[in-house]
Amino acid sequence: MRLRTLRTVVGANSVVAIAGMIISAILNHIGSVIAFGSIGAIGILVMIASTTTNADSKSHASGDDSISGDELEAEVAHLVTKYAVPEEEVRGLIRRSVTLARKNS
């Protein structure tokens, strides 16, 4: 399940839980208030855990996230001279990978 979908489901769960707690409190059903509150709290804890896990896995997915612009330029220059590939193709590939990374995050 995508994180965006999980957030939507947990948000809807929270709205229902809050409404259930309010209605149960008005009707003086304390057990129902506790049940709705527990369901809402568990949903939020699941969302927090999945968000943390997803953020940790993304940060460890790539080998080196600390590359600077100057280092990237040096690597592009090295690839272009060593393997005789067109520089525009290399830069286009970098642009597409950045766009893909932004779209997936």
Protein backbone atom coordinates (compact mmCIF):
# COMPACT_ATOMS: atom_id res chain seq x y z
CA MET A 1 0.00 0.00 0.00
CA ARG A 2 1.31 3.43 -0.87
CA LEU A 3 1.96 5.82 1.96
CA ARG A 4 -0.45 8.38 0.49
CA THR A 5 -3.26 5.82 0.49
CA LEU A 6 -2.47 4.81 4.07
CA ARG A 7 -2.59 8.45 5.18
CA THR A 8 -5.99 8.89 3.53
CA VAL A 9 -7.35 5.77 5.23
CA VAL A 10 -5.96 6.79 8.62
CA GLY A 11 -7.37 10.30 8.18
CA ALA A 12 -10.82 8.90 7.46
CA ASN A 13 -10.44 6.52 10.40
CA SER A 14 -9.56 9.45 12.67
CA VAL A 15 -12.59 11.46 11.54
CA VAL A 16 -14.90 8.50 12.20
CA ALA A 17 -13.23 7.84 15.57
CA ILE A 18 -13.64 11.45 16.69
CA ALA A 19 -17.26 11.55 15.56
CA GLY A 20 -17.90 8.24 17.32
CA MET A 21 -16.34 9.53 20.53
CA ILE A 22 -18.46 12.69 20.45
CA ILE A 23 -21.70 10.86 19.72
CA SER A 24 -20.95 8.19 22.33
CA ALA A 25 -20.17 10.84 24.93
CA ILE A 26 -23.46 12.63 24.20
CA LEU A 27 -25.32 9.32 24.56
CA ASN A 28 -23.37 8.61 27.78
CA HIS A 29 -21.80 5.34 26.51
CA ILE A 30 -18.36 5.57 28.10
CA GLY A 31 -17.24 2.15 26.83
CA SER A 32 -17.92 3.22 23.25
CA VAL A 33 -15.94 6.43 23.78
CA ILE A 34 -12.95 4.37 24.91
CA ALA A 35 -13.36 1.94 22.00
CA PHE A 36 -13.54 4.70 19.36
CA GLY A 37 -10.61 6.51 20.97
CA SER A 38 -8.53 3.33 20.97
CA ILE A 39 -9.32 2.60 17.32
CA GLY A 40 -8.31 6.13 16.34
CA ALA A 41 -5.11 5.99 18.39
CA ILE A 42 -4.08 2.63 16.92
CA GLY A 43 -4.63 3.95 13.40
CA ILE A 44 -2.46 6.98 14.08
CA LEU A 45 0.28 4.81 15.61
CA VAL A 46 0.24 2.61 12.50
CA MET A 47 0.63 5.70 10.33
CA ILE A 48 3.52 7.02 12.43
CA ALA A 49 5.29 3.65 12.32
CA SER A 50 4.84 3.22 8.57
CA THR A 51 5.97 6.79 7.85
CA THR A 52 9.08 6.30 9.97
CA THR A 53 9.84 2.95 8.36
CA ASN A 54 9.33 4.31 4.87
CA ALA A 55 11.55 7.35 5.54
CA ASP A 56 14.29 5.11 6.97
CA SER A 57 14.21 2.75 3.99
CA LYS A 58 14.41 5.63 1.51
CA SER A 59 17.38 7.17 3.31
CA HIS A 60 19.28 3.85 3.25
CA ALA A 61 18.25 2.92 -0.29
CA SER A 62 20.89 4.95 -2.06
CA GLY A 63 24.56 4.56 -1.44
CA ASP A 64 25.71 8.17 -1.21
CA ASP A 65 23.24 11.01 -0.78
CA SER A 66 25.87 13.55 0.19
CA ILE A 67 27.26 14.25 -3.28
CA SER A 68 27.68 17.94 -4.09
CA GLY A 69 27.06 19.70 -7.37
CA ASP A 70 30.80 20.09 -7.99
CA GLU A 71 31.38 16.37 -7.47
CA LEU A 72 28.55 15.55 -9.85
CA GLU A 73 30.01 17.86 -12.48
CA ALA A 74 33.40 16.18 -12.07
CA GLU A 75 31.81 12.73 -12.52
CA VAL A 76 29.97 13.87 -15.65
CA ALA A 77 33.21 15.28 -17.08
CA HIS A 78 35.01 12.04 -16.22
CA LEU A 79 32.35 9.88 -17.93
CA VAL A 80 32.29 12.07 -21.02
CA THR A 81 36.07 11.97 -21.46
CA LYS A 82 36.67 8.35 -20.43
CA TYR A 83 33.88 6.64 -22.35
CA ALA A 84 33.32 9.18 -25.13
CA VAL A 85 29.59 9.47 -24.52
CA PRO A 86 27.67 12.60 -25.55
CA GLU A 87 27.51 15.02 -22.65
CA GLU A 88 23.90 16.03 -23.38
CA GLU A 89 22.77 12.39 -23.10
CA VAL A 90 24.44 12.05 -19.70
CA ARG A 91 22.88 15.29 -18.46
CA GLY A 92 19.50 14.26 -19.84
CA LEU A 93 19.75 10.97 -17.97
CA ILE A 94 20.57 12.84 -14.76
CA ARG A 95 17.58 15.17 -15.28
CA ARG A 96 15.24 12.23 -15.84
CA SER A 97 16.52 10.43 -12.73
CA VAL A 98 16.01 13.55 -10.61
CA THR A 99 12.48 13.96 -11.98
CA LEU A 100 11.74 10.30 -11.24
CA ALA A 101 13.13 10.61 -7.70
CA ARG A 102 11.00 13.69 -7.00
CA LYS A 103 7.90 12.01 -8.41
CA ASN A 104 8.39 8.89 -6.26
CA SER A 105 9.09 10.72 -3.01
